Amino acid sequence: MRRFASLLLLCGMFAGCATPSDVTENTGFSGPAPVILISIDGFRPDYLHHGDTPTLDSLAEAGVSSGMHPSFPSVTFPNHYTLVTGLRPDHHGIVSNTMLDPAIPAERFSVSHNSNLDDPRWWDGAEPAWVTAETHGVHTASQFWPGSDVPIHGIRPTDWVHYDPHVTAEQETSHVLALFDRKPDQRPALTTLYFSAVDHAGHEAGPDAALTHEAVREVDTAIGHLVAGLHARNVSADILIVSDHGMARTSDQRIVMLHDLAPPADMRIITSGAYAGIDAAPGRERSLGAALARPHQHVQCWPKDQIPSHFAYGRNARVPAFLCVADVGWTLVSDHVPHNINGGSHGYDNNAADMTAVFIAQGPAFLSGHHLATFDNVDVYPLVMHLLGLMPLPSDGSILPFAPVLRGPYANLQ
């Protein structure tokens, strides 16, 4: 494992003033500062700088900020696995929040029904950062990050918990801070932390609603609690704030019924919403393909082997035979209109503006006051591994977008 010879520490309100020896003492291992990777599900970059996010605004000003393209489909579980593996969903295998696999015929992976999420067979197509770290003897921890409670390749983080929707954001950060109350050699080098409230509010009320602003404030306050707690413990950490996707406003006036695109008897709908994955009923492949190939308003459909290349999607066996993607703000509906159709949704073309995710980084590895051009979220994984001093596995990402903003020994990308 690579170790940096020395560290330059950022002195300020978030990291405090320290020397390289302080880093070794505070992190519990020689070399890089601890990395804390925080995901705020459904957080759009334009939620910043409107009075709801004083902590995040300050972190961005003291460090690095950018927009970030999610991978397709722009939904939660595929993108959280991309962030910690550097692989597109087509490559790591978590291709949707709801999916089937011919090799696992008795199961249906479904986030909405919380079913079969912890079967390692769904996840073993890739190796997340915490598995690599643990195999190198590096202590990791996770608070609710999707997949972190699964024994992927037989390994979980040293500290992990099952997702509990009743735990508040501040309780989550208090749990993380407790990890840094331990003796230095028992503290995590990598901690992943996941907040769901902003996404839930965005779905229920829409991205511009008061409920969503309230959720944004709640999470910002919790992160402020975390930052203050780390400072009080004299811990200089590299804090990475990301989201998995953005959010678009939806309406019951913008609906496409999937059964209007093709005869219901021809199709087996696997998932629907901003996009739909559809298999053909036995013997109906040609009929379904012909129906979906016709022009339709507000939606485009393709056989999986003809999905446009910019989606980087369709090679994996778990991708259904046909993909339909709605125009942003429109909803593909299978048989009944969802109750929150007048709220928000995501899953659209990952390059759509409303799907843009957020990226903020602040800590001893990063220069201050820099804004990067929008990059792809596959690049987060090689950055995390670089900060840990670990060799990344082959991935779809690159650390090069961060070369202009890395400080001191971290800037050595050789």
Protein backbone atom coordinates (compact mmCIF):
# COMPACT_ATOMS: atom_id res chain seq x y z
CA MET A 1 0.00 0.00 0.00
CA ARG A 2 1.34 3.40 -0.96
CA ARG A 3 1.89 5.89 1.85
CA PHE A 4 2.49 9.58 1.38
CA ALA A 5 5.78 10.77 2.86
CA SER A 6 4.18 13.84 4.37
CA LEU A 7 0.92 15.77 4.49
CA LEU A 8 0.18 19.45 4.19
CA LEU A 9 -2.73 20.29 6.44
CA LEU A 10 -5.27 22.97 5.76
CA CYS A 11 -5.63 25.35 8.70
CA GLY A 12 -9.08 26.81 9.05
CA MET A 13 -12.44 26.53 10.66
CA PHE A 14 -13.06 23.00 9.40
CA ALA A 15 -9.75 21.15 9.54
CA GLY A 16 -7.98 23.08 12.28
CA CYS A 17 -4.19 23.56 12.37
CA ALA A 18 -2.02 20.48 12.57
CA THR A 19 1.35 19.04 11.66
CA PRO A 20 2.07 15.79 9.78
CA SER A 21 2.66 14.04 13.11
CA ASP A 22 -0.81 15.12 14.22
CA VAL A 23 -2.30 13.37 11.20
CA THR A 24 -0.67 10.09 12.14
CA GLU A 25 -1.86 10.44 15.70
CA ASN A 26 -5.42 11.49 14.89
CA THR A 27 -6.23 9.07 12.07
CA GLY A 28 -4.93 5.95 13.72
CA PHE A 29 -2.60 4.96 10.85
CA SER A 30 0.45 6.48 9.23
CA GLY A 31 -0.15 8.36 6.02
CA PRO A 32 -3.29 9.96 4.63
CA ALA A 33 -6.00 11.68 6.66
CA PRO A 34 -9.25 9.77 7.16
CA VAL A 35 -11.72 9.98 4.30
CA ILE A 36 -15.41 10.59 5.00
CA LEU A 37 -17.59 10.07 1.94
CA ILE A 38 -21.09 11.50 2.45
CA SER A 39 -23.99 10.98 0.05
CA ILE A 40 -27.05 13.22 0.17
CA ASP A 41 -29.55 11.27 -1.93
CA GLY A 42 -31.30 13.42 -4.54
CA PHE A 43 -29.36 16.63 -3.77
CA ARG A 44 -29.20 19.04 -6.70
CA PRO A 45 -26.27 21.51 -6.95
CA ASP A 46 -28.70 24.40 -7.13
CA TYR A 47 -29.91 23.63 -3.59
CA LEU A 48 -26.70 25.36 -2.47
CA HIS A 49 -26.28 29.08 -1.81
CA HIS A 50 -29.94 29.88 -1.09
CA GLY A 51 -29.76 30.21 2.67
CA ASP A 52 -30.55 26.57 3.49
CA THR A 53 -26.97 25.22 3.40
CA PRO A 54 -24.53 27.34 5.45
CA THR A 55 -22.34 24.33 6.27
CA LEU A 56 -22.17 22.99 2.71
CA ASP A 57 -21.64 26.49 1.31
CA SER A 58 -18.71 27.02 3.68
CA LEU A 59 -17.20 23.64 2.84
CA ALA A 60 -17.44 24.47 -0.87
CA GLU A 61 -15.82 27.87 -0.36
CA ALA A 62 -13.02 26.36 1.74
CA GLY A 63 -12.43 23.50 -0.70
CA VAL A 64 -13.57 22.27 -4.10
CA SER A 65 -17.03 22.12 -5.66
CA SER A 66 -18.54 20.93 -8.92
CA GLY A 67 -21.52 19.43 -10.61
CA MET A 68 -21.32 15.72 -11.40
CA HIS A 69 -22.99 13.58 -14.06
CA PRO A 70 -24.58 10.45 -12.60
CA SER A 71 -24.41 7.19 -14.50
CA PHE A 72 -27.48 5.84 -16.26
CA PRO A 73 -29.96 5.00 -14.91
CA SER A 74 -29.90 8.05 -12.67
CA VAL A 75 -31.35 6.22 -9.66
CA THR A 76 -30.08 5.43 -6.18
CA PHE A 77 -28.62 1.96 -5.90
CA PRO A 78 -26.81 1.84 -9.28
CA ASN A 79 -25.14 5.18 -8.66
CA HIS A 80 -24.14 4.49 -5.08
CA TYR A 81 -22.37 1.35 -6.27
CA THR A 82 -20.74 3.34 -9.07
CA LEU A 83 -19.43 5.91 -6.60
CA VAL A 84 -17.56 3.24 -4.59
CA THR A 85 -16.44 1.01 -7.50
CA GLY A 86 -15.80 3.43 -10.36
CA LEU A 87 -17.78 1.17 -12.67
CA ARG A 88 -20.86 1.98 -14.71
CA PRO A 89 -24.00 0.03 -13.71
CA ASP A 90 -23.66 -2.06 -16.87
CA HIS A 91 -20.27 -3.20 -15.56
CA HIS A 92 -20.86 -3.61 -11.81
CA GLY A 93 -24.26 -5.29 -12.19
CA ILE A 94 -26.56 -3.13 -10.05
CA VAL A 95 -28.35 -1.97 -13.18
CA SER A 96 -31.56 -0.68 -11.58
CA ASN A 97 -33.41 -0.26 -8.31
CA THR A 98 -35.59 -3.13 -9.53
CA MET A 99 -34.11 -5.95 -11.57
CA LEU A 100 -34.15 -9.61 -12.48
CA ASP A 101 -31.24 -11.89 -13.32
CA PRO A 102 -31.52 -15.06 -15.43
CA ALA A 103 -28.82 -16.58 -13.20
CA ILE A 104 -30.89 -15.89 -10.04
CA PRO A 105 -34.32 -17.00 -11.30
CA ALA A 106 -36.09 -17.24 -7.96
CA GLU A 107 -35.34 -13.67 -6.85
CA ARG A 108 -36.35 -10.13 -7.68
CA PHE A 109 -34.08 -7.32 -6.51
CA SER A 110 -36.40 -4.50 -5.44
CA VAL A 111 -35.51 -1.41 -3.44
CA SER A 112 -39.13 -0.30 -3.16
CA HIS A 113 -40.13 -3.62 -1.59
CA ASN A 114 -36.83 -4.10 0.29
CA SER A 115 -36.52 -7.59 -1.12
CA ASN A 116 -33.36 -9.63 -1.79
CA LEU A 117 -31.11 -6.59 -1.37
CA ASP A 118 -28.67 -8.45 0.86
CA ASP A 119 -28.03 -11.45 -1.39
CA PRO A 120 -24.33 -11.12 -2.28
CA ARG A 121 -24.95 -12.56 -5.75
CA TRP A 122 -26.40 -9.22 -6.83
CA TRP A 123 -23.30 -7.33 -5.65
CA ASP A 124 -20.34 -9.60 -6.33
CA GLY A 125 -19.79 -8.29 -9.85
CA ALA A 126 -17.59 -5.55 -8.41
CA GLU A 127 -15.45 -4.74 -5.38
CA PRO A 128 -16.30 -1.54 -3.48
CA ALA A 129 -13.60 0.59 -1.89
CA TRP A 130 -14.28 -0.67 1.63
CA VAL A 131 -13.71 -4.31 0.60
CA THR A 132 -10.34 -3.47 -0.96
CA ALA A 133 -9.40 -1.41 2.09
CA GLU A 134 -10.35 -4.17 4.53
CA THR A 135 -8.31 -6.74 2.59
CA HIS A 136 -5.31 -4.43 3.02
CA GLY A 137 -5.88 -4.19 6.77
CA VAL A 138 -7.44 -0.72 6.59
CA HIS A 139 -10.35 -0.15 9.00
CA THR A 140 -13.56 1.11 7.33
CA ALA A 141 -17.03 2.05 8.57
CA SER A 142 -20.39 2.71 6.96
CA GLN A 143 -23.61 4.33 8.06
CA PHE A 144 -26.40 3.18 5.70
CA TRP A 145 -24.47 3.33 2.40
CA PRO A 146 -26.31 1.02 -0.04
CA GLY A 147 -24.58 -2.34 -0.20
CA SER A 148 -22.43 -1.83 2.89
CA ASP A 149 -24.51 -4.28 4.94
CA VAL A 150 -23.95 -7.05 2.38
CA PRO A 151 -20.98 -9.47 2.68
CA ILE A 152 -19.57 -8.59 -0.75
CA HIS A 153 -16.88 -11.15 -1.59
CA GLY A 154 -17.50 -12.23 2.00
CA ILE A 155 -16.41 -8.88 3.47
CA ARG A 156 -18.25 -6.00 5.14
CA PRO A 157 -16.83 -2.80 6.64
CA THR A 158 -15.45 -3.28 10.14
CA ASP A 159 -18.34 -1.13 11.41
CA TRP A 160 -21.67 -1.28 9.61
CA VAL A 161 -25.39 -1.06 10.33
CA HIS A 162 -28.55 -2.05 8.51
CA TYR A 163 -30.51 0.87 7.05
CA ASP A 164 -33.08 2.28 9.48
CA PRO A 165 -35.37 5.01 8.10
CA HIS A 166 -36.27 6.11 11.63
CA VAL A 167 -32.73 7.25 12.47
CA THR A 168 -32.41 11.03 12.11
CA ALA A 169 -29.61 12.74 10.22
CA GLU A 170 -28.10 14.10 13.44
CA GLN A 171 -28.20 10.64 15.01
CA GLU A 172 -26.28 9.35 12.00
CA THR A 173 -23.54 11.93 12.42
CA SER A 174 -23.39 11.28 16.17
CA HIS A 175 -22.79 7.61 15.42
CA VAL A 176 -19.95 8.52 13.06
CA LEU A 177 -18.39 10.87 15.60
CA ALA A 178 -18.44 8.08 18.17
CA LEU A 179 -16.10 6.14 15.87
CA PHE A 180 -13.54 8.90 16.31
CA ASP A 181 -13.82 8.75 20.11
CA ARG A 182 -11.96 5.45 19.92
CA LYS A 183 -8.24 4.94 20.28
CA PRO A 184 -6.40 6.05 17.13
CA ASP A 185 -5.69 2.53 15.88
CA GLN A 186 -9.39 1.66 16.09
CA ARG A 187 -10.70 4.60 14.07
CA PRO A 188 -11.82 4.16 10.45
CA ALA A 189 -9.65 5.33 7.58
CA LEU A 190 -12.71 5.35 5.30
CA THR A 191 -16.24 6.13 6.45
CA THR A 192 -19.26 6.19 4.14
CA LEU A 193 -22.40 8.00 5.27
CA TYR A 194 -25.79 8.18 3.55
CA PHE A 195 -28.69 10.62 4.03
CA SER A 196 -32.08 9.87 2.44
CA ALA A 197 -34.31 12.75 3.60
CA VAL A 198 -33.74 15.14 0.68
CA ASP A 199 -34.61 12.47 -1.88
CA HIS A 200 -37.76 11.46 0.00
CA ALA A 201 -38.93 15.07 0.20
CA GLY A 202 -38.11 15.70 -3.45
CA HIS A 203 -40.21 12.72 -4.52
CA GLU A 204 -43.09 13.69 -2.29
CA ALA A 205 -43.26 17.42 -2.99
CA GLY A 206 -40.85 18.29 -5.80
CA PRO A 207 -37.43 19.93 -5.92
CA ASP A 208 -38.69 23.45 -5.25
CA ALA A 209 -41.07 22.66 -2.39
CA ALA A 210 -40.86 23.89 1.20
CA LEU A 211 -40.68 20.27 2.39
CA THR A 212 -37.54 19.72 0.30
CA HIS A 213 -35.92 22.92 1.59
CA GLU A 214 -36.64 21.73 5.12
CA ALA A 215 -34.95 18.40 4.42
CA VAL A 216 -31.95 20.21 2.92
CA ARG A 217 -31.62 22.31 6.07
CA GLU A 218 -31.88 19.23 8.28
CA VAL A 219 -29.06 17.46 6.47
CA ASP A 220 -26.90 20.59 6.34
CA THR A 221 -27.31 20.99 10.10
CA ALA A 222 -26.32 17.36 10.65
CA ILE A 223 -23.20 17.78 8.53
CA GLY A 224 -22.41 20.92 10.52
CA HIS A 225 -22.65 18.78 13.66
CA LEU A 226 -20.22 16.31 12.11
CA VAL A 227 -17.71 19.00 11.06
CA ALA A 228 -17.80 20.65 14.49
CA GLY A 229 -17.41 17.29 16.20
CA LEU A 230 -14.38 16.38 14.12
CA HIS A 231 -12.82 19.77 14.86
CA ALA A 232 -13.45 19.32 18.59
CA ARG A 233 -11.69 15.95 18.40
CA ASN A 234 -8.77 17.50 16.48
CA VAL A 235 -9.43 15.18 13.51
CA SER A 236 -8.40 16.57 10.11
CA ALA A 237 -10.43 14.57 7.61
CA ASP A 238 -10.92 14.75 3.86
CA ILE A 239 -14.68 15.21 3.58
CA LEU A 240 -16.31 14.39 0.25
CA ILE A 241 -19.95 15.39 -0.24
CA VAL A 242 -21.70 13.75 -3.20
CA SER A 243 -25.18 12.94 -4.40
CA ASP A 244 -26.33 10.10 -6.59
CA HIS A 245 -28.54 12.13 -8.92
CA GLY A 246 -30.69 15.25 -9.08
CA MET A 247 -34.47 15.60 -9.13
CA ALA A 248 -37.03 16.81 -11.71
CA ARG A 249 -40.50 18.16 -11.18
CA THR A 250 -43.28 15.77 -12.28
CA SER A 251 -47.00 16.27 -12.87
CA ASP A 252 -50.13 14.23 -13.43
CA GLN A 253 -50.43 16.23 -16.66
CA ARG A 254 -47.23 14.62 -17.96
CA ILE A 255 -47.95 10.89 -18.04
CA VAL A 256 -47.34 8.21 -20.66
CA MET A 257 -49.22 4.96 -20.15
CA LEU A 258 -46.95 2.10 -21.17
CA HIS A 259 -49.92 0.06 -22.30
CA ASP A 260 -50.59 2.78 -24.89
CA LEU A 261 -47.21 2.04 -26.47
CA ALA A 262 -47.79 -1.67 -27.07
CA PRO A 263 -50.44 -4.33 -26.37
CA PRO A 264 -50.38 -5.19 -22.63
CA ALA A 265 -50.30 -8.91 -23.42
CA ASP A 266 -47.00 -8.43 -25.28
CA MET A 267 -45.02 -6.91 -22.45
CA ARG A 268 -43.66 -7.77 -19.05
CA ILE A 269 -42.85 -4.50 -17.27
CA ILE A 270 -39.87 -4.88 -14.93
CA THR A 271 -39.65 -1.26 -13.79
CA SER A 272 -41.30 2.04 -14.69
CA GLY A 273 -41.12 5.75 -13.86
CA ALA A 274 -38.66 8.10 -15.56
CA TYR A 275 -37.54 5.07 -17.54
CA ALA A 276 -39.01 1.63 -18.11
CA GLY A 277 -37.35 -1.74 -18.48
CA ILE A 278 -39.57 -4.14 -20.43
CA ASP A 279 -39.27 -7.79 -21.39
CA ALA A 280 -41.45 -9.42 -24.01
CA ALA A 281 -44.02 -12.02 -23.18
CA PRO A 282 -43.02 -15.45 -24.55
CA GLY A 283 -43.30 -15.46 -28.32
CA ARG A 284 -44.14 -11.75 -28.52
CA GLU A 285 -40.63 -10.34 -29.02
CA ARG A 286 -41.16 -9.26 -32.62
CA SER A 287 -44.58 -7.74 -31.99
CA LEU A 288 -43.37 -5.81 -28.94
CA GLY A 289 -40.25 -4.60 -30.74
CA ALA A 290 -42.29 -3.29 -33.67
CA ALA A 291 -44.73 -1.46 -31.39
CA LEU A 292 -42.04 0.19 -29.28
CA ALA A 293 -40.05 1.19 -32.40
CA ARG A 294 -42.87 3.42 -33.63
CA PRO A 295 -42.55 7.15 -32.79
CA HIS A 296 -44.17 8.06 -29.47
CA GLN A 297 -44.56 11.45 -27.87
CA HIS A 298 -42.37 12.22 -24.84
CA VAL A 299 -40.63 8.84 -24.80
CA GLN A 300 -38.01 6.94 -26.77
CA CYS A 301 -37.61 3.16 -26.74
CA TRP A 302 -34.85 0.86 -27.96
CA PRO A 303 -33.96 -2.82 -27.90
CA LYS A 304 -31.15 -3.25 -25.40
CA ASP A 305 -28.56 -3.78 -28.15
CA GLN A 306 -29.51 -0.45 -29.76
CA ILE A 307 -29.50 1.82 -26.70
CA PRO A 308 -27.55 5.01 -27.60
CA SER A 309 -23.89 4.74 -26.66
CA HIS A 310 -23.88 7.76 -24.34
CA PHE A 311 -26.01 5.78 -21.86
CA ALA A 312 -23.23 3.13 -21.60
CA TYR A 313 -26.03 0.70 -20.84
CA GLY A 314 -27.50 -2.49 -22.25
CA ARG A 315 -24.74 -5.10 -22.27
CA ASN A 316 -25.46 -6.57 -18.85
CA ALA A 317 -27.71 -9.63 -18.71
CA ARG A 318 -29.80 -7.93 -16.02
CA VAL A 319 -30.89 -5.12 -18.36
CA PRO A 320 -34.35 -5.98 -19.75
CA ALA A 321 -34.84 -6.59 -23.46
CA PHE A 322 -36.22 -3.08 -24.11
CA LEU A 323 -35.51 0.31 -22.55
CA CYS A 324 -37.84 3.31 -22.74
CA VAL A 325 -36.72 6.72 -21.42
CA ALA A 326 -39.19 9.55 -20.87
CA ASP A 327 -38.58 13.21 -21.52
CA VAL A 328 -37.51 14.96 -18.33
CA GLY A 329 -40.55 15.64 -16.15
CA TRP A 330 -42.68 12.94 -17.77
CA THR A 331 -43.56 9.64 -16.11
CA LEU A 332 -44.00 6.20 -17.66
CA VAL A 333 -46.86 4.48 -15.87
CA SER A 334 -47.61 0.76 -15.96
CA ASP A 335 -51.17 0.35 -14.66
CA HIS A 336 -51.93 2.96 -12.00
CA VAL A 337 -50.83 6.52 -11.38
CA PRO A 338 -48.44 6.81 -8.38
CA HIS A 339 -49.75 8.84 -5.46
CA ASN A 340 -46.82 11.29 -5.58
CA ILE A 341 -46.91 11.97 -9.30
CA ASN A 342 -47.16 15.72 -8.58
CA GLY A 343 -43.83 15.68 -6.77
CA GLY A 344 -40.47 14.80 -8.28
CA SER A 345 -38.59 11.97 -9.93
CA HIS A 346 -35.24 10.94 -11.37
CA GLY A 347 -33.91 8.18 -13.61
CA TYR A 348 -33.91 10.29 -16.78
CA ASP A 349 -31.03 10.73 -19.24
CA ASN A 350 -28.02 11.09 -16.97
CA ASN A 351 -26.76 14.11 -18.93
CA ALA A 352 -30.00 16.06 -18.36
CA ALA A 353 -29.45 19.22 -16.32
CA ASP A 354 -32.04 18.28 -13.68
CA MET A 355 -30.21 14.99 -13.05
CA THR A 356 -26.88 16.67 -12.20
CA ALA A 357 -25.46 15.58 -8.85
CA VAL A 358 -23.34 17.62 -6.44
CA PHE A 359 -19.68 17.27 -5.47
CA ILE A 360 -17.90 19.10 -2.65
CA ALA A 361 -14.48 18.19 -1.22
CA GLN A 362 -12.67 19.85 1.67
CA GLY A 363 -9.72 18.77 3.78
CA PRO A 364 -5.95 18.51 3.86
CA ALA A 365 -5.77 16.95 0.39
CA PHE A 366 -7.57 19.80 -1.38
CA LEU A 367 -6.78 23.35 -2.38
CA SER A 368 -9.20 26.05 -1.32
CA GLY A 369 -11.78 27.93 -3.33
CA HIS A 370 -11.77 25.94 -6.58
CA HIS A 371 -14.66 25.04 -8.86
CA LEU A 372 -14.22 22.14 -11.29
CA ALA A 373 -15.92 21.51 -14.60
CA THR A 374 -18.69 18.93 -14.37
CA PHE A 375 -17.27 15.40 -14.43
CA ASP A 376 -18.67 11.84 -14.39
CA ASN A 377 -19.33 10.17 -11.06
CA VAL A 378 -17.14 7.17 -11.99
CA ASP A 379 -14.20 9.46 -11.15
CA VAL A 380 -15.02 9.56 -7.43
CA TYR A 381 -13.77 6.02 -6.79
CA PRO A 382 -10.18 6.55 -8.02
CA LEU A 383 -10.09 9.76 -5.98
CA VAL A 384 -11.13 7.95 -2.81
CA MET A 385 -8.55 5.24 -3.36
CA HIS A 386 -5.85 7.84 -4.01
CA LEU A 387 -6.72 9.66 -0.80
CA LEU A 388 -6.47 6.37 1.10
CA GLY A 389 -3.11 5.57 -0.49
CA LEU A 390 -4.51 2.38 -2.03
CA MET A 391 -4.13 1.18 -5.61
CA PRO A 392 -7.56 1.34 -7.30
CA LEU A 393 -8.90 -1.62 -9.22
CA PRO A 394 -9.50 -1.15 -12.96
CA SER A 395 -12.57 1.05 -13.42
CA ASP A 396 -14.37 3.37 -15.82
CA GLY A 397 -13.14 6.43 -13.92
CA SER A 398 -10.05 8.63 -13.78
CA ILE A 399 -8.44 10.79 -11.11
CA LEU A 400 -7.27 13.33 -13.69
CA PRO A 401 -10.24 15.72 -13.23
CA PHE A 402 -8.94 16.35 -9.70
CA ALA A 403 -5.31 16.96 -10.62
CA PRO A 404 -5.67 20.80 -10.51
CA VAL A 405 -7.10 20.83 -6.97
CA LEU A 406 -4.99 18.31 -5.03
CA ARG A 407 -2.54 19.71 -2.51
CA GLY A 408 1.08 18.86 -1.74
CA PRO A 409 1.93 15.14 -1.77
CA TYR A 410 -1.61 14.29 -2.85
CA ALA A 411 -0.90 16.05 -6.16
CA ASN A 412 1.58 13.30 -7.09
CA LEU A 413 -0.55 11.09 -9.33
CA GLN A 414 2.27 8.78 -10.40
